[in-house]
Amino acid sequence: MDSPERPGDLQPEIAEMSYTPHPGASSASDPGASSEIAAVIKRHEAQLFAIDGVEGLNIGRDQIGRDAILIFVRDRSVESRLSREIEGFPVIEGFPVVVEVSGIIDTQPAG
């Protein structure tokens, strides 16, 4: 016999709903979107790497699954400088920016 539900009991949720991403989002069926965000990163690469503490750039996803520009930074203090030095931050040319603290990224010798 099933016990009665009590407040706080976790129950699985079963729901069906459609999801329509915003117009700038990419999907597996839209390979052009990845090249678009790559072009945006390329256009801003010199400006971003000129900011002391920016360690790397990549394409990723934001918290809701949209294509995003990933900016890897040495430490949290760099993130506050990004907002002063990048017009429109935390968005660049319509793409959201996600900042990740990576520490110092150093190249490793081959071999």
PDB file of N, CA and C in Angstrom:
ATOM      1  N   MET A   1       0.848  -1.183   0.000  1.00  0.00           N
ATOM      2  CA  MET A   1       0.000   0.000   0.000  1.00  0.00           C
ATOM      3  C   MET A   1       0.884   1.233   0.000  1.00  0.00           C
ATOM      4  N   ASP A   2       0.548   2.210  -0.843  1.00  0.00           N
ATOM      5  CA  ASP A   2       1.326   3.438  -0.934  1.00  0.00           C
ATOM      6  C   ASP A   2       1.085   4.301   0.288  1.00  0.00           C
ATOM      7  N   SER A   3       2.180   4.919   0.755  1.00  0.00           N
ATOM      8  CA  SER A   3       2.024   5.834   1.878  1.00  0.00           C
ATOM      9  C   SER A   3       1.598   7.200   1.350  1.00  0.00           C
ATOM     10  N   PRO A   4       0.888   7.962   2.144  1.00  0.00           N
ATOM     11  CA  PRO A   4       0.435   9.275   1.684  1.00  0.00           C
ATOM     12  C   PRO A   4       1.629  10.201   1.472  1.00  0.00           C
ATOM     13  N   GLU A   5       1.489  11.121   0.514  1.00  0.00           N
ATOM     14  CA  GLU A   5       2.544  12.087   0.239  1.00  0.00           C
ATOM     15  C   GLU A   5       2.691  13.039   1.410  1.00  0.00           C
ATOM     16  N   ARG A   6       3.938  13.312   1.742  1.00  0.00           N
ATOM     17  CA  ARG A   6       4.198  14.279   2.806  1.00  0.00           C
ATOM     18  C   ARG A   6       4.909  15.476   2.195  1.00  0.00           C
ATOM     19  N   PRO A   7       4.736  16.660   2.772  1.00  0.00           N
ATOM     20  CA  PRO A   7       5.454  17.830   2.256  1.00  0.00           C
ATOM     21  C   PRO A   7       6.953  17.539   2.279  1.00  0.00           C
ATOM     22  N   GLY A   8       7.634  17.927   1.237  1.00  0.00           N
ATOM     23  CA  GLY A   8       9.075  17.712   1.169  1.00  0.00           C
ATOM     24  C   GLY A   8       9.473  16.430   0.460  1.00  0.00           C
ATOM     25  N   ASP A   9       8.506  15.490   0.249  1.00  0.00           N
ATOM     26  CA  ASP A   9       8.827  14.278  -0.497  1.00  0.00           C
ATOM     27  C   ASP A   9       9.081  14.661  -1.948  1.00  0.00           C
ATOM     28  N   LEU A  10      10.120  14.114  -2.512  1.00  0.00           N
ATOM     29  CA  LEU A  10      10.427  14.391  -3.906  1.00  0.00           C
ATOM     30  C   LEU A  10       9.682  13.410  -4.790  1.00  0.00           C
ATOM     31  N   GLN A  11       8.972  13.938  -5.745  1.00  0.00           N
ATOM     32  CA  GLN A  11       8.224  13.121  -6.684  1.00  0.00           C
ATOM     33  C   GLN A  11       8.731  13.434  -8.082  1.00  0.00           C
ATOM     34  N   PRO A  12       8.845  12.439  -8.938  1.00  0.00           N
ATOM     35  CA  PRO A  12       9.281  12.737 -10.300  1.00  0.00           C
ATOM     36  C   PRO A  12       8.250  13.596 -11.014  1.00  0.00           C
ATOM     37  N   GLU A  13       8.747  14.487 -11.851  1.00  0.00           N
ATOM     38  CA  GLU A  13       7.855  15.350 -12.611  1.00  0.00           C
ATOM     39  C   GLU A  13       7.874  14.898 -14.061  1.00  0.00           C
ATOM     40  N   ILE A  14       6.726  14.695 -14.601  1.00  0.00           N
ATOM     41  CA  ILE A  14       6.611  14.302 -15.992  1.00  0.00           C
ATOM     42  C   ILE A  14       5.815  15.399 -16.685  1.00  0.00           C
ATOM     43  N   ALA A  15       6.482  16.038 -17.651  1.00  0.00           N
ATOM     44  CA  ALA A  15       5.821  17.124 -18.366  1.00  0.00           C
ATOM     45  C   ALA A  15       6.371  17.189 -19.772  1.00  0.00           C
ATOM     46  N   GLU A  16       5.570  17.675 -20.651  1.00  0.00           N
ATOM     47  CA  GLU A  16       6.016  17.861 -22.018  1.00  0.00           C
ATOM     48  C   GLU A  16       5.742  19.296 -22.395  1.00  0.00           C
ATOM     49  N   MET A  17       6.792  19.957 -22.894  1.00  0.00           N
ATOM     50  CA  MET A  17       6.614  21.318 -23.350  1.00  0.00           C
ATOM     51  C   MET A  17       7.601  21.596 -24.466  1.00  0.00           C
ATOM     52  N   SER A  18       7.226  22.463 -25.363  1.00  0.00           N
ATOM     53  CA  SER A  18       8.120  22.773 -26.468  1.00  0.00           C
ATOM     54  C   SER A  18       9.170  23.760 -25.998  1.00  0.00           C
ATOM     55  N   TYR A  19      10.318  23.751 -26.668  1.00  0.00           N
ATOM     56  CA  TYR A  19      11.394  24.674 -26.355  1.00  0.00           C
ATOM     57  C   TYR A  19      11.829  25.339 -27.650  1.00  0.00           C
ATOM     58  N   THR A  20      11.773  26.635 -27.673  1.00  0.00           N
ATOM     59  CA  THR A  20      12.218  27.383 -28.834  1.00  0.00           C
ATOM     60  C   THR A  20      13.327  28.315 -28.377  1.00  0.00           C
ATOM     61  N   PRO A  21      14.575  28.046 -28.776  1.00  0.00           N
ATOM     62  CA  PRO A  21      15.674  28.914 -28.356  1.00  0.00           C
ATOM     63  C   PRO A  21      15.556  30.289 -29.002  1.00  0.00           C
ATOM     64  N   HIS A  22      16.251  31.260 -28.407  1.00  0.00           N
ATOM     65  CA  HIS A  22      16.214  32.603 -28.981  1.00  0.00           C
ATOM     66  C   HIS A  22      16.814  32.576 -30.383  1.00  0.00           C
ATOM     67  N   PRO A  23      16.530  33.562 -31.210  1.00  0.00           N
ATOM     68  CA  PRO A  23      16.949  33.527 -32.607  1.00  0.00           C
ATOM     69  C   PRO A  23      18.461  33.395 -32.809  1.00  0.00           C
ATOM     70  N   GLY A  24      19.290  33.851 -31.858  1.00  0.00           N
ATOM     71  CA  GLY A  24      20.734  33.771 -32.028  1.00  0.00           C
ATOM     72  C   GLY A  24      21.328  32.455 -31.576  1.00  0.00           C
ATOM     73  N   ALA A  25      20.527  31.578 -31.020  1.00  0.00           N
ATOM     74  CA  ALA A  25      21.063  30.319 -30.497  1.00  0.00           C
ATOM     75  C   ALA A  25      21.311  29.337 -31.622  1.00  0.00           C
ATOM     76  N   SER A  26      22.288  28.470 -31.394  1.00  0.00           N
ATOM     77  CA  SER A  26      22.565  27.468 -32.416  1.00  0.00           C
ATOM     78  C   SER A  26      22.023  26.132 -31.960  1.00  0.00           C
ATOM     79  N   SER A  27      21.997  25.219 -32.874  1.00  0.00           N
ATOM     80  CA  SER A  27      21.613  23.859 -32.534  1.00  0.00           C
ATOM     81  C   SER A  27      22.400  22.934 -33.432  1.00  0.00           C
ATOM     82  N   ALA A  28      22.324  21.652 -33.170  1.00  0.00           N
ATOM     83  CA  ALA A  28      23.051  20.688 -33.983  1.00  0.00           C
ATOM     84  C   ALA A  28      22.615  20.787 -35.440  1.00  0.00           C
ATOM     85  N   SER A  29      21.388  21.226 -35.680  1.00  0.00           N
ATOM     86  CA  SER A  29      20.908  21.333 -37.056  1.00  0.00           C
ATOM     87  C   SER A  29      21.297  22.659 -37.699  1.00  0.00           C
ATOM     88  N   ASP A  30      22.020  23.510 -36.962  1.00  0.00           N
ATOM     89  CA  ASP A  30      22.407  24.825 -37.476  1.00  0.00           C
ATOM     90  C   ASP A  30      23.913  25.024 -37.345  1.00  0.00           C
ATOM     91  N   PRO A  31      24.702  24.357 -38.196  1.00  0.00           N
ATOM     92  CA  PRO A  31      26.152  24.473 -38.082  1.00  0.00           C
ATOM     93  C   PRO A  31      26.663  25.874 -38.363  1.00  0.00           C
ATOM     94  N   GLY A  32      25.889  26.695 -39.055  1.00  0.00           N
ATOM     95  CA  GLY A  32      26.310  28.062 -39.341  1.00  0.00           C
ATOM     96  C   GLY A  32      26.433  28.918 -38.096  1.00  0.00           C
ATOM     97  N   ALA A  33      25.658  28.600 -37.056  1.00  0.00           N
ATOM     98  CA  ALA A  33      25.712  29.386 -35.832  1.00  0.00           C
ATOM     99  C   ALA A  33      27.075  29.264 -35.163  1.00  0.00           C
ATOM    100  N   SER A  34      27.683  28.088 -35.205  1.00  0.00           N
ATOM    101  CA  SER A  34      29.007  27.912 -34.607  1.00  0.00           C
ATOM    102  C   SER A  34      30.041  28.745 -35.343  1.00  0.00           C
ATOM    103  N   SER A  35      29.934  28.810 -36.669  1.00  0.00           N
ATOM    104  CA  SER A  35      30.895  29.623 -37.405  1.00  0.00           C
ATOM    105  C   SER A  35      30.651  31.108 -37.140  1.00  0.00           C
ATOM    106  N   GLU A  36      29.398  31.487 -36.882  1.00  0.00           N
ATOM    107  CA  GLU A  36      29.095  32.881 -36.568  1.00  0.00           C
ATOM    108  C   GLU A  36      29.731  33.298 -35.250  1.00  0.00           C
ATOM    109  N   ILE A  37      29.599  32.482 -34.208  1.00  0.00           N
ATOM    110  CA  ILE A  37      30.190  32.835 -32.917  1.00  0.00           C
ATOM    111  C   ILE A  37      31.716  32.775 -32.997  1.00  0.00           C
ATOM    112  N   ALA A  38      32.255  31.852 -33.797  1.00  0.00           N
ATOM    113  CA  ALA A  38      33.712  31.786 -33.983  1.00  0.00           C
ATOM    114  C   ALA A  38      34.213  33.076 -34.638  1.00  0.00           C
ATOM    115  N   ALA A  39      33.453  33.605 -35.579  1.00  0.00           N
ATOM    116  CA  ALA A  39      33.836  34.857 -36.229  1.00  0.00           C
ATOM    117  C   ALA A  39      33.791  36.027 -35.246  1.00  0.00           C
ATOM    118  N   VAL A  40      32.798  36.029 -34.353  1.00  0.00           N
ATOM    119  CA  VAL A  40      32.700  37.081 -33.329  1.00  0.00           C
ATOM    120  C   VAL A  40      33.913  37.004 -32.409  1.00  0.00           C
ATOM    121  N   ILE A  41      34.269  35.802 -31.981  1.00  0.00           N
ATOM    122  CA  ILE A  41      35.438  35.639 -31.115  1.00  0.00           C
ATOM    123  C   ILE A  41      36.684  36.134 -31.834  1.00  0.00           C
ATOM    124  N   LYS A  42      36.836  35.772 -33.087  1.00  0.00           N
ATOM    125  CA  LYS A  42      38.009  36.187 -33.866  1.00  0.00           C
ATOM    126  C   LYS A  42      38.098  37.708 -33.949  1.00  0.00           C
ATOM    127  N   ARG A  43      36.954  38.389 -34.160  1.00  0.00           N
ATOM    128  CA  ARG A  43      36.945  39.849 -34.255  1.00  0.00           C
ATOM    129  C   ARG A  43      37.348  40.515 -32.947  1.00  0.00           C
ATOM    130  N   HIS A  44      37.058  39.880 -31.815  1.00  0.00           N
ATOM    131  CA  HIS A  44      37.317  40.490 -30.507  1.00  0.00           C
ATOM    132  C   HIS A  44      38.539  39.900 -29.804  1.00  0.00           C
ATOM    133  N   GLU A  45      39.187  38.941 -30.435  1.00  0.00           N
ATOM    134  CA  GLU A  45      40.303  38.225 -29.820  1.00  0.00           C
ATOM    135  C   GLU A  45      41.411  39.164 -29.326  1.00  0.00           C
ATOM    136  N   ALA A  46      41.880  40.071 -30.158  1.00  0.00           N
ATOM    137  CA  ALA A  46      42.978  40.967 -29.761  1.00  0.00           C
ATOM    138  C   ALA A  46      42.565  41.843 -28.578  1.00  0.00           C
ATOM    139  N   GLN A  47      41.344  42.385 -28.624  1.00  0.00           N
ATOM    140  CA  GLN A  47      40.848  43.232 -27.539  1.00  0.00           C
ATOM    141  C   GLN A  47      40.776  42.440 -26.231  1.00  0.00           C
ATOM    142  N   LEU A  48      40.278  41.204 -26.302  1.00  0.00           N
ATOM    143  CA  LEU A  48      40.107  40.399 -25.090  1.00  0.00           C
ATOM    144  C   LEU A  48      41.457  39.963 -24.517  1.00  0.00           C
ATOM    145  N   PHE A  49      42.371  39.518 -25.368  1.00  0.00           N
ATOM    146  CA  PHE A  49      43.672  39.089 -24.874  1.00  0.00           C
ATOM    147  C   PHE A  49      44.533  40.261 -24.402  1.00  0.00           C
ATOM    148  N   ALA A  50      44.175  41.491 -24.778  1.00  0.00           N
ATOM    149  CA  ALA A  50      44.897  42.666 -24.292  1.00  0.00           C
ATOM    150  C   ALA A  50      44.565  42.958 -22.828  1.00  0.00           C
ATOM    151  N   ILE A  51      43.497  42.366 -22.325  1.00  0.00           N
ATOM    152  CA  ILE A  51      43.109  42.558 -20.922  1.00  0.00           C
ATOM    153  C   ILE A  51      43.947  41.619 -20.066  1.00  0.00           C
ATOM    154  N   ASP A  52      44.735  42.204 -19.167  1.00  0.00           N
ATOM    155  CA  ASP A  52      45.598  41.402 -18.303  1.00  0.00           C
ATOM    156  C   ASP A  52      44.765  40.409 -17.499  1.00  0.00           C
ATOM    157  N   GLY A  53      45.120  39.147 -17.575  1.00  0.00           N
ATOM    158  CA  GLY A  53      44.408  38.113 -16.832  1.00  0.00           C
ATOM    159  C   GLY A  53      43.494  37.253 -17.667  1.00  0.00           C
ATOM    160  N   VAL A  54      43.241  37.653 -18.925  1.00  0.00           N
ATOM    161  CA  VAL A  54      42.470  36.799 -19.821  1.00  0.00           C
ATOM    162  C   VAL A  54      43.407  35.715 -20.326  1.00  0.00           C
ATOM    163  N   GLU A  55      43.059  34.473 -20.064  1.00  0.00           N
ATOM    164  CA  GLU A  55      43.935  33.339 -20.366  1.00  0.00           C
ATOM    165  C   GLU A  55      43.516  32.553 -21.598  1.00  0.00           C
ATOM    166  N   GLY A  56      42.229  32.617 -21.975  1.00  0.00           N
ATOM    167  CA  GLY A  56      41.783  31.834 -23.124  1.00  0.00           C
ATOM    168  C   GLY A  56      40.370  32.184 -23.536  1.00  0.00           C
ATOM    169  N   LEU A  57      40.019  31.772 -24.747  1.00  0.00           N
ATOM    170  CA  LEU A  57      38.686  31.994 -25.310  1.00  0.00           C
ATOM    171  C   LEU A  57      38.215  30.704 -25.951  1.00  0.00           C
ATOM    172  N   ASN A  58      36.915  30.486 -25.922  1.00  0.00           N
ATOM    173  CA  ASN A  58      36.364  29.298 -26.556  1.00  0.00           C
ATOM    174  C   ASN A  58      34.874  29.504 -26.785  1.00  0.00           C
ATOM    175  N   ILE A  59      34.267  28.559 -27.475  1.00  0.00           N
ATOM    176  CA  ILE A  59      32.817  28.530 -27.667  1.00  0.00           C
ATOM    177  C   ILE A  59      32.247  27.548 -26.659  1.00  0.00           C
ATOM    178  N   GLY A  60      31.188  27.945 -25.980  1.00  0.00           N
ATOM    179  CA  GLY A  60      30.554  27.057 -25.014  1.00  0.00           C
ATOM    180  C   GLY A  60      29.068  27.328 -24.960  1.00  0.00           C
ATOM    181  N   ARG A  61      28.478  27.032 -23.840  1.00  0.00           N
ATOM    182  CA  ARG A  61      27.038  27.238 -23.619  1.00  0.00           C
ATOM    183  C   ARG A  61      26.840  28.000 -22.319  1.00  0.00           C
ATOM    184  N   ASP A  62      25.794  28.815 -22.292  1.00  0.00           N
ATOM    185  CA  ASP A  62      25.452  29.479 -21.040  1.00  0.00           C
ATOM    186  C   ASP A  62      24.562  28.562 -20.208  1.00  0.00           C
ATOM    187  N   GLN A  63      24.053  29.072 -19.102  1.00  0.00           N
ATOM    188  CA  GLN A  63      23.280  28.230 -18.180  1.00  0.00           C
ATOM    189  C   GLN A  63      21.991  27.689 -18.770  1.00  0.00           C
ATOM    190  N   ILE A  64      21.494  28.328 -19.816  1.00  0.00           N
ATOM    191  CA  ILE A  64      20.241  27.831 -20.412  1.00  0.00           C
ATOM    192  C   ILE A  64      20.460  27.193 -21.773  1.00  0.00           C
ATOM    193  N   GLY A  65      21.722  26.922 -22.112  1.00  0.00           N
ATOM    194  CA  GLY A  65      22.014  26.150 -23.307  1.00  0.00           C
ATOM    195  C   GLY A  65      22.255  26.930 -24.588  1.00  0.00           C
ATOM    196  N   ARG A  66      22.299  28.259 -24.496  1.00  0.00           N
ATOM    197  CA  ARG A  66      22.578  29.053 -25.696  1.00  0.00           C
ATOM    198  C   ARG A  66      24.078  29.049 -25.983  1.00  0.00           C
ATOM    199  N   ASP A  67      24.440  29.185 -27.265  1.00  0.00           N
ATOM    200  CA  ASP A  67      25.846  29.378 -27.603  1.00  0.00           C
ATOM    201  C   ASP A  67      26.359  30.578 -26.831  1.00  0.00           C
ATOM    202  N   ALA A  68      27.571  30.463 -26.316  1.00  0.00           N
ATOM    203  CA  ALA A  68      28.153  31.552 -25.529  1.00  0.00           C
ATOM    204  C   ALA A  68      29.643  31.644 -25.800  1.00  0.00           C
ATOM    205  N   ILE A  69      30.181  32.822 -25.551  1.00  0.00           N
ATOM    206  CA  ILE A  69      31.615  33.042 -25.634  1.00  0.00           C
ATOM    207  C   ILE A  69      32.189  32.765 -24.249  1.00  0.00           C
ATOM    208  N   LEU A  70      33.076  31.775 -24.163  1.00  0.00           N
ATOM    209  CA  LEU A  70      33.740  31.470 -22.896  1.00  0.00           C
ATOM    210  C   LEU A  70      35.015  32.278 -22.807  1.00  0.00           C
ATOM    211  N   ILE A  71      35.168  32.981 -21.706  1.00  0.00           N
ATOM    212  CA  ILE A  71      36.400  33.709 -21.438  1.00  0.00           C
ATOM    213  C   ILE A  71      37.011  33.112 -20.186  1.00  0.00           C
ATOM    214  N   PHE A  72      38.205  32.540 -20.347  1.00  0.00           N
ATOM    215  CA  PHE A  72      38.921  31.954 -19.217  1.00  0.00           C
ATOM    216  C   PHE A  72      39.820  33.025 -18.617  1.00  0.00           C
ATOM    217  N   VAL A  73      39.711  33.229 -17.298  1.00  0.00           N
ATOM    218  CA  VAL A  73      40.469  34.273 -16.628  1.00  0.00           C
ATOM    219  C   VAL A  73      41.321  33.697 -15.504  1.00  0.00           C
ATOM    220  N   ARG A  74      42.389  34.420 -15.183  1.00  0.00           N
ATOM    221  CA  ARG A  74      43.328  33.985 -14.144  1.00  0.00           C
ATOM    222  C   ARG A  74      42.660  33.912 -12.773  1.00  0.00           C
ATOM    223  N   ASP A  75      41.865  34.947 -12.432  1.00  0.00           N
ATOM    224  CA  ASP A  75      41.180  34.966 -11.134  1.00  0.00           C
ATOM    225  C   ASP A  75      39.946  35.865 -11.230  1.00  0.00           C
ATOM    226  N   ARG A  76      39.127  35.854 -10.181  1.00  0.00           N
ATOM    227  CA  ARG A  76      37.844  36.570 -10.172  1.00  0.00           C
ATOM    228  C   ARG A  76      38.004  38.073 -10.379  1.00  0.00           C
ATOM    229  N   SER A  77      39.137  38.640  -9.982  1.00  0.00           N
ATOM    230  CA  SER A  77      39.310  40.091 -10.127  1.00  0.00           C
ATOM    231  C   SER A  77      39.294  40.510 -11.590  1.00  0.00           C
ATOM    232  N   VAL A  78      39.677  39.618 -12.481  1.00  0.00           N
ATOM    233  CA  VAL A  78      39.690  39.932 -13.908  1.00  0.00           C
ATOM    234  C   VAL A  78      38.264  40.117 -14.421  1.00  0.00           C
ATOM    235  N   GLU A  79      37.332  39.363 -13.890  1.00  0.00           N
ATOM    236  CA  GLU A  79      35.938  39.452 -14.339  1.00  0.00           C
ATOM    237  C   GLU A  79      35.388  40.864 -14.167  1.00  0.00           C
ATOM    238  N   SER A  80      35.702  41.523 -13.067  1.00  0.00           N
ATOM    239  CA  SER A  80      35.196  42.883 -12.858  1.00  0.00           C
ATOM    240  C   SER A  80      35.814  43.856 -13.858  1.00  0.00           C
ATOM    241  N   ARG A  81      37.039  43.616 -14.271  1.00  0.00           N
ATOM    242  CA  ARG A  81      37.660  44.478 -15.288  1.00  0.00           C
ATOM    243  C   ARG A  81      37.015  44.273 -16.653  1.00  0.00           C
ATOM    244  N   LEU A  82      36.561  43.044 -16.945  1.00  0.00           N
ATOM    245  CA  LEU A  82      35.918  42.776 -18.228  1.00  0.00           C
ATOM    246  C   LEU A  82      34.708  43.685 -18.427  1.00  0.00           C
ATOM    247  N   SER A  83      33.925  43.857 -17.375  1.00  0.00           N
ATOM    248  CA  SER A  83      32.715  44.671 -17.499  1.00  0.00           C
ATOM    249  C   SER A  83      33.043  46.134 -17.770  1.00  0.00           C
ATOM    250  N   ARG A  84      34.213  46.597 -17.350  1.00  0.00           N
ATOM    251  CA  ARG A  84      34.612  47.983 -17.632  1.00  0.00           C
ATOM    252  C   ARG A  84      35.241  48.133 -19.014  1.00  0.00           C
ATOM    253  N   GLU A  85      35.850  47.078 -19.526  1.00  0.00           N
ATOM    254  CA  GLU A  85      36.622  47.188 -20.756  1.00  0.00           C
ATOM    255  C   GLU A  85      35.913  46.656 -22.001  1.00  0.00           C
ATOM    256  N   ILE A  86      34.803  45.945 -21.834  1.00  0.00           N
ATOM    257  CA  ILE A  86      34.077  45.400 -22.979  1.00  0.00           C
ATOM    258  C   ILE A  86      32.710  46.065 -23.036  1.00  0.00           C
ATOM    259  N   GLU A  87      32.482  46.819 -24.100  1.00  0.00           N
ATOM    260  CA  GLU A  87      31.198  47.491 -24.272  1.00  0.00           C
ATOM    261  C   GLU A  87      30.086  46.448 -24.399  1.00  0.00           C
ATOM    262  N   GLY A  88      29.016  46.636 -23.621  1.00  0.00           N
ATOM    263  CA  GLY A  88      27.866  45.740 -23.686  1.00  0.00           C
ATOM    264  C   GLY A  88      27.990  44.481 -22.849  1.00  0.00           C
ATOM    265  N   PHE A  89      29.136  44.303 -22.155  1.00  0.00           N
ATOM    266  CA  PHE A  89      29.353  43.107 -21.335  1.00  0.00           C
ATOM    267  C   PHE A  89      28.168  42.928 -20.404  1.00  0.00           C
ATOM    268  N   PRO A  90      27.625  41.745 -20.241  1.00  0.00           N
ATOM    269  CA  PRO A  90      28.111  40.406 -20.562  1.00  0.00           C
ATOM    270  C   PRO A  90      27.605  39.826 -21.885  1.00  0.00           C
ATOM    271  N   VAL A  91      27.453  40.667 -22.896  1.00  0.00           N
ATOM    272  CA  VAL A  91      27.059  40.195 -24.223  1.00  0.00           C
ATOM    273  C   VAL A  91      28.025  40.811 -25.225  1.00  0.00           C
ATOM    274  N   ILE A  92      28.474  40.018 -26.178  1.00  0.00           N
ATOM    275  CA  ILE A  92      29.310  40.524 -27.264  1.00  0.00           C
ATOM    276  C   ILE A  92      28.630  40.157 -28.573  1.00  0.00           C
ATOM    277  N   GLU A  93      28.262  41.176 -29.330  1.00  0.00           N
ATOM    278  CA  GLU A  93      27.587  40.997 -30.621  1.00  0.00           C
ATOM    279  C   GLU A  93      26.429  40.003 -30.547  1.00  0.00           C
ATOM    280  N   GLY A  94      25.646  40.098 -29.481  1.00  0.00           N
ATOM    281  CA  GLY A  94      24.458  39.264 -29.339  1.00  0.00           C
ATOM    282  C   GLY A  94      24.684  37.926 -28.666  1.00  0.00           C
ATOM    283  N   PHE A  95      25.937  37.541 -28.448  1.00  0.00           N
ATOM    284  CA  PHE A  95      26.219  36.269 -27.784  1.00  0.00           C
ATOM    285  C   PHE A  95      26.528  36.509 -26.309  1.00  0.00           C
ATOM    286  N   PRO A  96      25.921  35.712 -25.424  1.00  0.00           N
ATOM    287  CA  PRO A  96      26.226  35.859 -24.000  1.00  0.00           C
ATOM    288  C   PRO A  96      27.672  35.456 -23.732  1.00  0.00           C
ATOM    289  N   VAL A  97      28.238  36.066 -22.685  1.00  0.00           N
ATOM    290  CA  VAL A  97      29.603  35.768 -22.266  1.00  0.00           C
ATOM    291  C   VAL A  97      29.546  34.994 -20.954  1.00  0.00           C
ATOM    292  N   VAL A  98      30.309  33.905 -20.886  1.00  0.00           N
ATOM    293  CA  VAL A  98      30.442  33.119 -19.663  1.00  0.00           C
ATOM    294  C   VAL A  98      31.901  33.203 -19.245  1.00  0.00           C
ATOM    295  N   VAL A  99      32.136  33.627 -18.010  1.00  0.00           N
ATOM    296  CA  VAL A  99      33.498  33.768 -17.506  1.00  0.00           C
ATOM    297  C   VAL A  99      33.814  32.589 -16.592  1.00  0.00           C
ATOM    298  N   GLU A 100      34.933  31.923 -16.855  1.00  0.00           N
ATOM    299  CA  GLU A 100      35.382  30.786 -16.057  1.00  0.00           C
ATOM    300  C   GLU A 100      36.759  31.113 -15.476  1.00  0.00           C
ATOM    301  N   VAL A 101      36.920  30.917 -14.181  1.00  0.00           N
ATOM    302  CA  VAL A 101      38.240  31.089 -13.573  1.00  0.00           C
ATOM    303  C   VAL A 101      39.036  29.823 -13.837  1.00  0.00           C
ATOM    304  N   SER A 102      40.122  29.974 -14.579  1.00  0.00           N
ATOM    305  CA  SER A 102      40.935  28.816 -14.968  1.00  0.00           C
ATOM    306  C   SER A 102      42.290  28.800 -14.279  1.00  0.00           C
ATOM    307  N   GLY A 103      42.671  29.934 -13.695  1.00  0.00           N
ATOM    308  CA  GLY A 103      44.041  30.066 -13.229  1.00  0.00           C
ATOM    309  C   GLY A 103      44.921  30.382 -14.431  1.00  0.00           C
ATOM    310  N   ILE A 104      46.212  30.338 -14.230  1.00  0.00           N
ATOM    311  CA  ILE A 104      47.141  30.625 -15.333  1.00  0.00           C
ATOM    312  C   ILE A 104      47.176  29.436 -16.261  1.00  0.00           C
ATOM    313  N   ILE A 105      47.002  29.701 -17.555  1.00  0.00           N
ATOM    314  CA  ILE A 105      47.109  28.648 -18.562  1.00  0.00           C
ATOM    315  C   ILE A 105      48.462  28.798 -19.231  1.00  0.00           C
ATOM    316  N   ASP A 106      49.263  27.780 -19.134  1.00  0.00           N
ATOM    317  CA  ASP A 106      50.603  27.807 -19.685  1.00  0.00           C
ATOM    318  C   ASP A 106      50.726  26.670 -20.696  1.00  0.00           C
ATOM    319  N   THR A 107      51.435  26.933 -21.773  1.00  0.00           N
ATOM    320  CA  THR A 107      51.617  25.884 -22.772  1.00  0.00           C
ATOM    321  C   THR A 107      52.613  24.862 -22.269  1.00  0.00           C
ATOM    322  N   GLN A 108      52.428  23.631 -22.671  1.00  0.00           N
ATOM    323  CA  GLN A 108      53.326  22.553 -22.293  1.00  0.00           C
ATOM    324  C   GLN A 108      54.227  22.232 -23.479  1.00  0.00           C
ATOM    325  N   PRO A 109      55.494  21.915 -23.216  1.00  0.00           N
ATOM    326  CA  PRO A 109      56.382  21.553 -24.323  1.00  0.00           C
ATOM    327  C   PRO A 109      55.924  20.257 -25.009  1.00  0.00           C
ATOM    328  N   ALA A 110      56.110  20.196 -26.307  1.00  0.00           N
ATOM    329  CA  ALA A 110      55.737  18.991 -27.055  1.00  0.00           C
ATOM    330  C   ALA A 110      56.683  17.860 -26.692  1.00  0.00           C
ATOM    331  N   GLY A 111      56.158  16.657 -26.754  1.00  0.00           N
ATOM    332  CA  GLY A 111      57.026  15.511 -26.579  1.00  0.00           C
ATOM    333  C   GLY A 111      56.760  14.761 -25.385  1.00  0.00           C
TER     334      GLY A 111
END
